[in-house]
């Protein structure tokens, strides 16, 4: 094991800890991130833009319809699986900024989906929720002529399942089957607030442990950075494992510039294997 990774293992050994994961956690599952060293520039849709016009909703849903074909097929990678094994080595739970559902699919016992779950759709007008797969089936029936590009490459697919689509103007929206209202993936858009009870649950989880381990997040947005700042004020350990710099580097007890999957596999071996 590399010396720095061994230092992380030494810090975590015998302690309780919580993982805060970002898009870099899922890159090995084929889902690109927004801000990693190899990511392409992308401009996510703002919440105000989405709710402001049917045209914006049509553009978003046309892109999301195609993007879901990749997100919906994604499977947990070695890093997700290693976190499940690390529950036997002090991991109290996972707070994820990702909406792909891969931590739950891997079998993590306690997951807080800070930004929601893209596998669920919510009506903005009546609050009814529905499985994304059902809405996807309806969209396919409504838009039989919209074909998937041969390959959704890194620049064409975003971590919230939003893909670039050049011809979206004639896309037909699916409405709420209960009230006819506007549908939106049940995820927190940029410019939208994380529900307060979810934030409080995340703080409580962080407070229950001795160390916070950030995995694959640049901590650019405050929704994740606030937990690192909170932990630093409590004089608890912050470990950051990410490719490239983050906004929380100055608050890190240990910063490791590395990928999540290989590092977590090393930590699992070090912390769960006798001798």
C-alpha atoms as a PDB file:
ATOM      1  CA  UNK A   1       0.000   0.000   0.000  1.00  0.00           C
ATOM      2  CA  UNK A   2       1.312   3.498  -0.841  1.00  0.00           C
ATOM      3  CA  UNK A   3       2.586   5.399   2.185  1.00  0.00           C
ATOM      4  CA  UNK A   4      -0.139   8.072   2.121  1.00  0.00           C
ATOM      5  CA  UNK A   5      -2.918   5.481   1.823  1.00  0.00           C
ATOM      6  CA  UNK A   6      -1.348   3.615   4.741  1.00  0.00           C
ATOM      7  CA  UNK A   7      -1.507   6.842   6.740  1.00  0.00           C
ATOM      8  CA  UNK A   8      -5.239   7.047   6.026  1.00  0.00           C
ATOM      9  CA  UNK A   9      -5.669   3.454   7.180  1.00  0.00           C
ATOM     10  CA  UNK A  10      -3.780   4.247  10.385  1.00  0.00           C
ATOM     11  CA  UNK A  11      -6.037   7.249  11.040  1.00  0.00           C
ATOM     12  CA  UNK A  12      -9.233   5.240  10.518  1.00  0.00           C
ATOM     13  CA  UNK A  13      -8.193   2.082  12.346  1.00  0.00           C
ATOM     14  CA  UNK A  14     -10.228   1.692  15.531  1.00  0.00           C
ATOM     15  CA  UNK A  15     -12.277   4.836  14.831  1.00  0.00           C
ATOM     16  CA  UNK A  16     -15.783   5.471  13.588  1.00  0.00           C
ATOM     17  CA  UNK A  17     -16.133   7.392  10.347  1.00  0.00           C
ATOM     18  CA  UNK A  18     -18.590   8.646   7.748  1.00  0.00           C
ATOM     19  CA  UNK A  19     -18.077   8.862   3.992  1.00  0.00           C
ATOM     20  CA  UNK A  20     -19.154  11.869   1.919  1.00  0.00           C
ATOM     21  CA  UNK A  21     -19.116  10.885  -1.750  1.00  0.00           C
ATOM     22  CA  UNK A  22     -19.198  12.905  -4.952  1.00  0.00           C
ATOM     23  CA  UNK A  23     -19.256  12.284  -8.686  1.00  0.00           C
ATOM     24  CA  UNK A  24     -15.703  10.925  -8.690  1.00  0.00           C
ATOM     25  CA  UNK A  25     -17.042   7.931  -6.789  1.00  0.00           C
ATOM     26  CA  UNK A  26     -19.051   6.818  -9.827  1.00  0.00           C
ATOM     27  CA  UNK A  27     -16.678   7.507 -12.710  1.00  0.00           C
ATOM     28  CA  UNK A  28     -15.556   3.868 -12.683  1.00  0.00           C
ATOM     29  CA  UNK A  29     -19.205   2.931 -13.256  1.00  0.00           C
ATOM     30  CA  UNK A  30     -19.185   4.897 -16.510  1.00  0.00           C
ATOM     31  CA  UNK A  31     -20.793   8.065 -15.145  1.00  0.00           C
ATOM     32  CA  UNK A  32     -18.610  11.143 -15.799  1.00  0.00           C
ATOM     33  CA  UNK A  33     -18.166  13.896 -13.266  1.00  0.00           C
ATOM     34  CA  UNK A  34     -18.599  17.651 -13.611  1.00  0.00           C
ATOM     35  CA  UNK A  35     -15.278  18.956 -12.344  1.00  0.00           C
ATOM     36  CA  UNK A  36     -12.648  16.219 -12.399  1.00  0.00           C
ATOM     37  CA  UNK A  37      -9.318  16.673 -14.210  1.00  0.00           C
ATOM     38  CA  UNK A  38     -10.664  14.989 -17.381  1.00  0.00           C
ATOM     39  CA  UNK A  39     -14.254  16.261 -17.251  1.00  0.00           C
ATOM     40  CA  UNK A  40     -15.673  18.405 -20.016  1.00  0.00           C
ATOM     41  CA  UNK A  41     -17.259  21.756 -19.301  1.00  0.00           C
ATOM     42  CA  UNK A  42     -21.008  21.415 -18.763  1.00  0.00           C
ATOM     43  CA  UNK A  43     -23.697  23.870 -17.764  1.00  0.00           C
ATOM     44  CA  UNK A  44     -26.401  22.086 -15.736  1.00  0.00           C
ATOM     45  CA  UNK A  45     -29.920  23.434 -15.930  1.00  0.00           C
ATOM     46  CA  UNK A  46     -30.901  25.741 -13.075  1.00  0.00           C
ATOM     47  CA  UNK A  47     -34.052  25.020 -11.097  1.00  0.00           C
ATOM     48  CA  UNK A  48     -35.502  28.452 -11.885  1.00  0.00           C
ATOM     49  CA  UNK A  49     -34.978  27.830 -15.589  1.00  0.00           C
ATOM     50  CA  UNK A  50     -36.672  24.419 -15.420  1.00  0.00           C
ATOM     51  CA  UNK A  51     -39.797  25.636 -13.643  1.00  0.00           C
ATOM     52  CA  UNK A  52     -39.913  28.837 -15.678  1.00  0.00           C
ATOM     53  CA  UNK A  53     -40.951  27.466 -19.058  1.00  0.00           C
ATOM     54  CA  UNK A  54     -42.304  24.409 -20.845  1.00  0.00           C
ATOM     55  CA  UNK A  55     -39.532  24.893 -23.413  1.00  0.00           C
ATOM     56  CA  UNK A  56     -36.863  24.392 -20.742  1.00  0.00           C
ATOM     57  CA  UNK A  57     -38.677  21.317 -19.421  1.00  0.00           C
ATOM     58  CA  UNK A  58     -38.886  19.907 -22.947  1.00  0.00           C
ATOM     59  CA  UNK A  59     -35.157  20.460 -23.478  1.00  0.00           C
ATOM     60  CA  UNK A  60     -34.249  18.923 -20.132  1.00  0.00           C
ATOM     61  CA  UNK A  61     -36.484  15.867 -20.474  1.00  0.00           C
ATOM     62  CA  UNK A  62     -35.314  15.141 -24.027  1.00  0.00           C
ATOM     63  CA  UNK A  63     -31.741  15.102 -22.759  1.00  0.00           C
ATOM     64  CA  UNK A  64     -32.567  13.234 -19.564  1.00  0.00           C
ATOM     65  CA  UNK A  65     -34.551  10.624 -21.500  1.00  0.00           C
ATOM     66  CA  UNK A  66     -31.417   9.665 -23.429  1.00  0.00           C
ATOM     67  CA  UNK A  67     -29.055  10.085 -20.484  1.00  0.00           C
ATOM     68  CA  UNK A  68     -31.117   7.670 -18.380  1.00  0.00           C
ATOM     69  CA  UNK A  69     -30.254   4.876 -20.772  1.00  0.00           C
ATOM     70  CA  UNK A  70     -26.694   5.073 -19.473  1.00  0.00           C
ATOM     71  CA  UNK A  71     -27.441   5.977 -15.863  1.00  0.00           C
ATOM     72  CA  UNK A  72     -30.113   3.296 -15.594  1.00  0.00           C
ATOM     73  CA  UNK A  73     -27.653   0.617 -16.717  1.00  0.00           C
ATOM     74  CA  UNK A  74     -24.787   1.716 -14.454  1.00  0.00           C
ATOM     75  CA  UNK A  75     -23.671  -0.777 -11.826  1.00  0.00           C
ATOM     76  CA  UNK A  76     -21.725  -0.351  -8.567  1.00  0.00           C
ATOM     77  CA  UNK A  77     -17.964  -0.378  -9.000  1.00  0.00           C
ATOM     78  CA  UNK A  78     -15.178  -1.710  -6.791  1.00  0.00           C
ATOM     79  CA  UNK A  79     -15.241   1.451  -4.669  1.00  0.00           C
ATOM     80  CA  UNK A  80     -18.947   1.123  -3.879  1.00  0.00           C
ATOM     81  CA  UNK A  81     -18.431  -2.535  -2.975  1.00  0.00           C
ATOM     82  CA  UNK A  82     -15.398  -1.747  -0.803  1.00  0.00           C
ATOM     83  CA  UNK A  83     -17.460   0.723   1.240  1.00  0.00           C
ATOM     84  CA  UNK A  84     -19.905  -2.075   2.037  1.00  0.00           C
ATOM     85  CA  UNK A  85     -17.010  -4.178   3.327  1.00  0.00           C
ATOM     86  CA  UNK A  86     -15.703  -1.236   5.327  1.00  0.00           C
ATOM     87  CA  UNK A  87     -18.876  -1.161   7.417  1.00  0.00           C
ATOM     88  CA  UNK A  88     -17.076  -3.814   9.453  1.00  0.00           C
ATOM     89  CA  UNK A  89     -14.228  -1.335  10.007  1.00  0.00           C
ATOM     90  CA  UNK A  90     -15.977   1.643  11.548  1.00  0.00           C
ATOM     91  CA  UNK A  91     -17.970   3.110   8.641  1.00  0.00           C
ATOM     92  CA  UNK A  92     -21.206   4.449  10.136  1.00  0.00           C
ATOM     93  CA  UNK A  93     -22.866   5.479   6.879  1.00  0.00           C
ATOM     94  CA  UNK A  94     -22.589   7.317   3.573  1.00  0.00           C
ATOM     95  CA  UNK A  95     -23.741  10.806   2.642  1.00  0.00           C
ATOM     96  CA  UNK A  96     -23.735  11.024  -1.142  1.00  0.00           C
ATOM     97  CA  UNK A  97     -24.024  13.997  -3.443  1.00  0.00           C
ATOM     98  CA  UNK A  98     -24.680  11.540  -6.279  1.00  0.00           C
ATOM     99  CA  UNK A  99     -28.171  10.730  -7.523  1.00  0.00           C
ATOM    100  CA  UNK A 100     -27.339   7.438  -9.251  1.00  0.00           C
ATOM    101  CA  UNK A 101     -28.422   5.086  -6.446  1.00  0.00           C
ATOM    102  CA  UNK A 102     -25.247   3.006  -6.710  1.00  0.00           C
ATOM    103  CA  UNK A 103     -24.461   2.966  -2.980  1.00  0.00           C
ATOM    104  CA  UNK A 104     -27.826   1.388  -2.217  1.00  0.00           C
ATOM    105  CA  UNK A 105     -27.444  -1.001  -5.159  1.00  0.00           C
ATOM    106  CA  UNK A 106     -24.080  -2.111  -3.756  1.00  0.00           C
ATOM    107  CA  UNK A 107     -25.695  -2.863  -0.399  1.00  0.00           C
ATOM    108  CA  UNK A 108     -24.573   0.021   1.824  1.00  0.00           C
ATOM    109  CA  UNK A 109     -26.679  -0.152   4.982  1.00  0.00           C
ATOM    110  CA  UNK A 110     -27.084   3.574   5.686  1.00  0.00           C
ATOM    111  CA  UNK A 111     -27.192   6.080   2.810  1.00  0.00           C
ATOM    112  CA  UNK A 112     -28.369   9.691   2.817  1.00  0.00           C
ATOM    113  CA  UNK A 113     -29.047  10.782  -0.765  1.00  0.00           C
ATOM    114  CA  UNK A 114     -28.279  14.451  -0.220  1.00  0.00           C
ATOM    115  CA  UNK A 115     -29.325  15.501  -3.720  1.00  0.00           C
ATOM    116  CA  UNK A 116     -32.102  12.960  -4.201  1.00  0.00           C
ATOM    117  CA  UNK A 117     -32.497   9.889  -6.387  1.00  0.00           C
ATOM    118  CA  UNK A 118     -32.810  10.040 -10.159  1.00  0.00           C
ATOM    119  CA  UNK A 119     -34.714   6.735 -10.149  1.00  0.00           C
ATOM    120  CA  UNK A 120     -37.742   8.630  -8.797  1.00  0.00           C
ATOM    121  CA  UNK A 121     -39.831  11.334 -10.489  1.00  0.00           C
ATOM    122  CA  UNK A 122     -41.919  13.899  -8.581  1.00  0.00           C
ATOM    123  CA  UNK A 123     -44.820  16.095  -9.663  1.00  0.00           C
ATOM    124  CA  UNK A 124     -44.100  19.744  -8.952  1.00  0.00           C
ATOM    125  CA  UNK A 125     -47.814  20.465  -8.632  1.00  0.00           C
ATOM    126  CA  UNK A 126     -49.241  17.695  -6.415  1.00  0.00           C
ATOM    127  CA  UNK A 127     -46.106  16.062  -4.979  1.00  0.00           C
ATOM    128  CA  UNK A 128     -46.911  12.566  -6.236  1.00  0.00           C
ATOM    129  CA  UNK A 129     -43.857  10.398  -6.926  1.00  0.00           C
ATOM    130  CA  UNK A 130     -43.438   7.660  -9.502  1.00  0.00           C
ATOM    131  CA  UNK A 131     -40.653   5.269 -10.530  1.00  0.00           C
ATOM    132  CA  UNK A 132     -38.436   6.729 -13.230  1.00  0.00           C
ATOM    133  CA  UNK A 133     -38.653   3.511 -15.256  1.00  0.00           C
ATOM    134  CA  UNK A 134     -42.425   3.991 -15.605  1.00  0.00           C
ATOM    135  CA  UNK A 135     -42.010   7.579 -16.809  1.00  0.00           C
ATOM    136  CA  UNK A 136     -39.250   6.455 -19.159  1.00  0.00           C
ATOM    137  CA  UNK A 137     -41.642   3.922 -20.717  1.00  0.00           C
ATOM    138  CA  UNK A 138     -44.281   6.617 -21.200  1.00  0.00           C
ATOM    139  CA  UNK A 139     -41.740   8.971 -22.775  1.00  0.00           C
ATOM    140  CA  UNK A 140     -40.675   6.236 -25.202  1.00  0.00           C
ATOM    141  CA  UNK A 141     -44.287   5.797 -26.309  1.00  0.00           C
ATOM    142  CA  UNK A 142     -44.760   9.552 -26.694  1.00  0.00           C
ATOM    143  CA  UNK A 143     -41.513  10.040 -28.625  1.00  0.00           C
ATOM    144  CA  UNK A 144     -41.005   6.978 -30.839  1.00  0.00           C
ATOM    145  CA  UNK A 145     -38.781   8.862 -33.270  1.00  0.00           C
ATOM    146  CA  UNK A 146     -36.140   9.941 -30.754  1.00  0.00           C
ATOM    147  CA  UNK A 147     -33.241   7.552 -31.082  1.00  0.00           C
ATOM    148  CA  UNK A 148     -30.211   7.258 -28.852  1.00  0.00           C
ATOM    149  CA  UNK A 149     -26.898   8.449 -30.325  1.00  0.00           C
ATOM    150  CA  UNK A 150     -24.541   5.523 -31.123  1.00  0.00           C
ATOM    151  CA  UNK A 151     -22.393   6.335 -28.064  1.00  0.00           C
ATOM    152  CA  UNK A 152     -22.932   8.832 -25.259  1.00  0.00           C
ATOM    153  CA  UNK A 153     -19.381   9.984 -24.707  1.00  0.00           C
ATOM    154  CA  UNK A 154     -17.979  11.890 -21.730  1.00  0.00           C
ATOM    155  CA  UNK A 155     -18.915  15.312 -23.111  1.00  0.00           C
ATOM    156  CA  UNK A 156     -22.449  14.169 -23.920  1.00  0.00           C
ATOM    157  CA  UNK A 157     -23.437  12.625 -20.593  1.00  0.00           C
ATOM    158  CA  UNK A 158     -23.599  14.341 -17.219  1.00  0.00           C
ATOM    159  CA  UNK A 159     -23.728  12.766 -13.748  1.00  0.00           C
ATOM    160  CA  UNK A 160     -27.416  13.613 -13.283  1.00  0.00           C
ATOM    161  CA  UNK A 161     -28.341  11.627 -16.383  1.00  0.00           C
ATOM    162  CA  UNK A 162     -28.586  14.706 -18.589  1.00  0.00           C
ATOM    163  CA  UNK A 163     -27.265  14.102 -22.119  1.00  0.00           C
ATOM    164  CA  UNK A 164     -26.704  16.508 -24.970  1.00  0.00           C
ATOM    165  CA  UNK A 165     -29.526  16.325 -27.508  1.00  0.00           C
ATOM    166  CA  UNK A 166     -29.482  18.521 -30.573  1.00  0.00           C
ATOM    167  CA  UNK A 167     -33.082  18.001 -31.712  1.00  0.00           C
ATOM    168  CA  UNK A 168     -35.420  18.432 -28.750  1.00  0.00           C
ATOM    169  CA  UNK A 169     -37.937  21.044 -29.917  1.00  0.00           C
ATOM    170  CA  UNK A 170     -40.611  18.487 -30.832  1.00  0.00           C
ATOM    171  CA  UNK A 171     -40.134  16.344 -27.729  1.00  0.00           C
ATOM    172  CA  UNK A 172     -43.452  15.446 -26.081  1.00  0.00           C
ATOM    173  CA  UNK A 173     -43.533  15.749 -22.285  1.00  0.00           C
ATOM    174  CA  UNK A 174     -45.193  13.237 -19.996  1.00  0.00           C
ATOM    175  CA  UNK A 175     -47.392  14.818 -17.348  1.00  0.00           C
ATOM    176  CA  UNK A 176     -48.450  13.641 -13.897  1.00  0.00           C
ATOM    177  CA  UNK A 177     -50.944  10.792 -14.150  1.00  0.00           C
ATOM    178  CA  UNK A 178     -52.687  12.038 -11.005  1.00  0.00           C
ATOM    179  CA  UNK A 179     -53.140  15.760 -11.717  1.00  0.00           C
ATOM    180  CA  UNK A 180     -51.673  16.475 -15.155  1.00  0.00           C
ATOM    181  CA  UNK A 181     -48.931  18.566 -13.545  1.00  0.00           C
ATOM    182  CA  UNK A 182     -45.246  19.079 -14.325  1.00  0.00           C
ATOM    183  CA  UNK A 183     -42.843  16.208 -13.734  1.00  0.00           C
ATOM    184  CA  UNK A 184     -39.262  16.570 -12.552  1.00  0.00           C
ATOM    185  CA  UNK A 185     -36.673  13.977 -11.518  1.00  0.00           C
ATOM    186  CA  UNK A 186     -36.677  13.881  -7.725  1.00  0.00           C
ATOM    187  CA  UNK A 187     -33.201  15.399  -7.527  1.00  0.00           C
ATOM    188  CA  UNK A 188     -31.931  18.744  -6.294  1.00  0.00           C
ATOM    189  CA  UNK A 189     -31.213  20.970  -9.278  1.00  0.00           C
ATOM    190  CA  UNK A 190     -28.592  23.700  -9.202  1.00  0.00           C
ATOM    191  CA  UNK A 191     -30.183  26.700  -7.527  1.00  0.00           C
ATOM    192  CA  UNK A 192     -32.564  24.491  -5.530  1.00  0.00           C
ATOM    193  CA  UNK A 193     -32.196  23.894  -1.784  1.00  0.00           C
ATOM    194  CA  UNK A 194     -31.593  20.503  -0.210  1.00  0.00           C
ATOM    195  CA  UNK A 195     -34.596  19.673   2.023  1.00  0.00           C
ATOM    196  CA  UNK A 196     -33.860  20.722   5.607  1.00  0.00           C
ATOM    197  CA  UNK A 197     -34.666  17.323   7.233  1.00  0.00           C
ATOM    198  CA  UNK A 198     -32.163  15.679   4.895  1.00  0.00           C
ATOM    199  CA  UNK A 199     -29.461  18.187   5.825  1.00  0.00           C
ATOM    200  CA  UNK A 200     -30.178  17.694   9.521  1.00  0.00           C
ATOM    201  CA  UNK A 201     -29.916  13.913   9.144  1.00  0.00           C
ATOM    202  CA  UNK A 202     -26.561  14.339   7.400  1.00  0.00           C
ATOM    203  CA  UNK A 203     -25.224  16.575  10.182  1.00  0.00           C
ATOM    204  CA  UNK A 204     -26.376  14.039  12.763  1.00  0.00           C
ATOM    205  CA  UNK A 205     -24.547  11.259  10.936  1.00  0.00           C
ATOM    206  CA  UNK A 206     -21.352  13.327  10.739  1.00  0.00           C
ATOM    207  CA  UNK A 207     -21.631  14.140  14.457  1.00  0.00           C
ATOM    208  CA  UNK A 208     -21.978  10.438  15.288  1.00  0.00           C
ATOM    209  CA  UNK A 209     -18.495   9.645  13.987  1.00  0.00           C
ATOM    210  CA  UNK A 210     -14.903  10.620  14.691  1.00  0.00           C
ATOM    211  CA  UNK A 211     -13.675  11.136  11.119  1.00  0.00           C
ATOM    212  CA  UNK A 212     -15.240  12.386   7.877  1.00  0.00           C
ATOM    213  CA  UNK A 213     -13.841  10.878   4.665  1.00  0.00           C
ATOM    214  CA  UNK A 214     -14.565  12.765   1.430  1.00  0.00           C
ATOM    215  CA  UNK A 215     -14.465  10.561  -1.654  1.00  0.00           C
ATOM    216  CA  UNK A 216     -14.446  11.910  -5.197  1.00  0.00           C
ATOM    217  CA  UNK A 217     -15.777  15.404  -4.569  1.00  0.00           C
ATOM    218  CA  UNK A 218     -14.191  18.748  -5.407  1.00  0.00           C
ATOM    219  CA  UNK A 219     -16.414  20.253  -2.671  1.00  0.00           C
ATOM    220  CA  UNK A 220     -17.159  23.120  -5.052  1.00  0.00           C
ATOM    221  CA  UNK A 221     -20.768  23.414  -3.909  1.00  0.00           C
ATOM    222  CA  UNK A 222     -21.626  24.288  -0.327  1.00  0.00           C
ATOM    223  CA  UNK A 223     -23.954  21.323   0.122  1.00  0.00           C
ATOM    224  CA  UNK A 224     -20.899  19.097   0.654  1.00  0.00           C
ATOM    225  CA  UNK A 225     -18.293  21.595   1.864  1.00  0.00           C
ATOM    226  CA  UNK A 226     -20.389  22.593   4.871  1.00  0.00           C
ATOM    227  CA  UNK A 227     -19.903  19.161   6.452  1.00  0.00           C
ATOM    228  CA  UNK A 228     -16.117  19.408   6.107  1.00  0.00           C
ATOM    229  CA  UNK A 229     -16.185  22.864   7.680  1.00  0.00           C
ATOM    230  CA  UNK A 230     -18.481  21.628  10.437  1.00  0.00           C
ATOM    231  CA  UNK A 231     -16.180  18.724  11.229  1.00  0.00           C
ATOM    232  CA  UNK A 232     -13.129  20.981  11.304  1.00  0.00           C
ATOM    233  CA  UNK A 233     -14.820  23.271  13.827  1.00  0.00           C
ATOM    234  CA  UNK A 234     -15.443  20.224  16.013  1.00  0.00           C
ATOM    235  CA  UNK A 235     -11.713  19.426  15.766  1.00  0.00           C
ATOM    236  CA  UNK A 236     -12.498  16.055  14.182  1.00  0.00           C
ATOM    237  CA  UNK A 237     -10.466  14.488  11.385  1.00  0.00           C
ATOM    238  CA  UNK A 238     -11.163  15.245   7.723  1.00  0.00           C
ATOM    239  CA  UNK A 239      -9.721  12.916   5.078  1.00  0.00           C
ATOM    240  CA  UNK A 240     -10.083  13.961   1.431  1.00  0.00           C
ATOM    241  CA  UNK A 241      -9.486  11.438  -1.363  1.00  0.00           C
ATOM    242  CA  UNK A 242      -9.973  13.061  -4.757  1.00  0.00           C
ATOM    243  CA  UNK A 243      -8.226  13.482  -8.074  1.00  0.00           C
ATOM    244  CA  UNK A 244      -7.261  17.147  -8.151  1.00  0.00           C
ATOM    245  CA  UNK A 245      -7.680  19.999  -5.653  1.00  0.00           C
ATOM    246  CA  UNK A 246     -10.807  20.651  -3.616  1.00  0.00           C
ATOM    247  CA  UNK A 247     -12.237  23.616  -1.742  1.00  0.00           C
ATOM    248  CA  UNK A 248     -11.682  21.750   1.503  1.00  0.00           C
ATOM    249  CA  UNK A 249      -7.981  20.961   1.140  1.00  0.00           C
ATOM    250  CA  UNK A 250      -6.960  23.486   3.789  1.00  0.00           C
ATOM    251  CA  UNK A 251      -9.274  21.724   6.254  1.00  0.00           C
ATOM    252  CA  UNK A 252      -7.963  18.222   5.570  1.00  0.00           C
ATOM    253  CA  UNK A 253      -6.095  16.187   8.127  1.00  0.00           C
ATOM    254  CA  UNK A 254      -4.920  14.065   5.192  1.00  0.00           C
ATOM    255  CA  UNK A 255      -5.362  14.858   1.481  1.00  0.00           C
ATOM    256  CA  UNK A 256      -4.805  12.032  -0.990  1.00  0.00           C
ATOM    257  CA  UNK A 257      -4.760  12.785  -4.731  1.00  0.00           C
ATOM    258  CA  UNK A 258      -5.989   9.430  -5.986  1.00  0.00           C
ATOM    259  CA  UNK A 259      -8.953   7.549  -7.378  1.00  0.00           C
ATOM    260  CA  UNK A 260     -11.702   6.217  -5.131  1.00  0.00           C
ATOM    261  CA  UNK A 261     -11.948   2.601  -6.272  1.00  0.00           C
ATOM    262  CA  UNK A 262      -8.305   1.627  -5.909  1.00  0.00           C
ATOM    263  CA  UNK A 263      -7.861   3.547  -2.647  1.00  0.00           C
ATOM    264  CA  UNK A 264     -10.953   2.084  -1.024  1.00  0.00           C
ATOM    265  CA  UNK A 265      -9.925  -1.426  -2.071  1.00  0.00           C
ATOM    266  CA  UNK A 266      -6.569  -0.850  -0.358  1.00  0.00           C
ATOM    267  CA  UNK A 267      -8.277   0.493   2.770  1.00  0.00           C
ATOM    268  CA  UNK A 268     -10.645  -2.466   2.898  1.00  0.00           C
ATOM    269  CA  UNK A 269      -7.759  -4.902   2.751  1.00  0.00           C
ATOM    270  CA  UNK A 270      -5.817  -2.971   5.399  1.00  0.00           C
ATOM    271  CA  UNK A 271      -8.713  -2.488   7.819  1.00  0.00           C
ATOM    272  CA  UNK A 272     -10.579  -5.779   7.527  1.00  0.00           C
ATOM    273  CA  UNK A 273      -7.772  -8.306   7.131  1.00  0.00           C
ATOM    274  CA  UNK A 274      -6.089  -9.709  10.211  1.00  0.00           C
ATOM    275  CA  UNK A 275      -2.356  -9.201  10.349  1.00  0.00           C
END
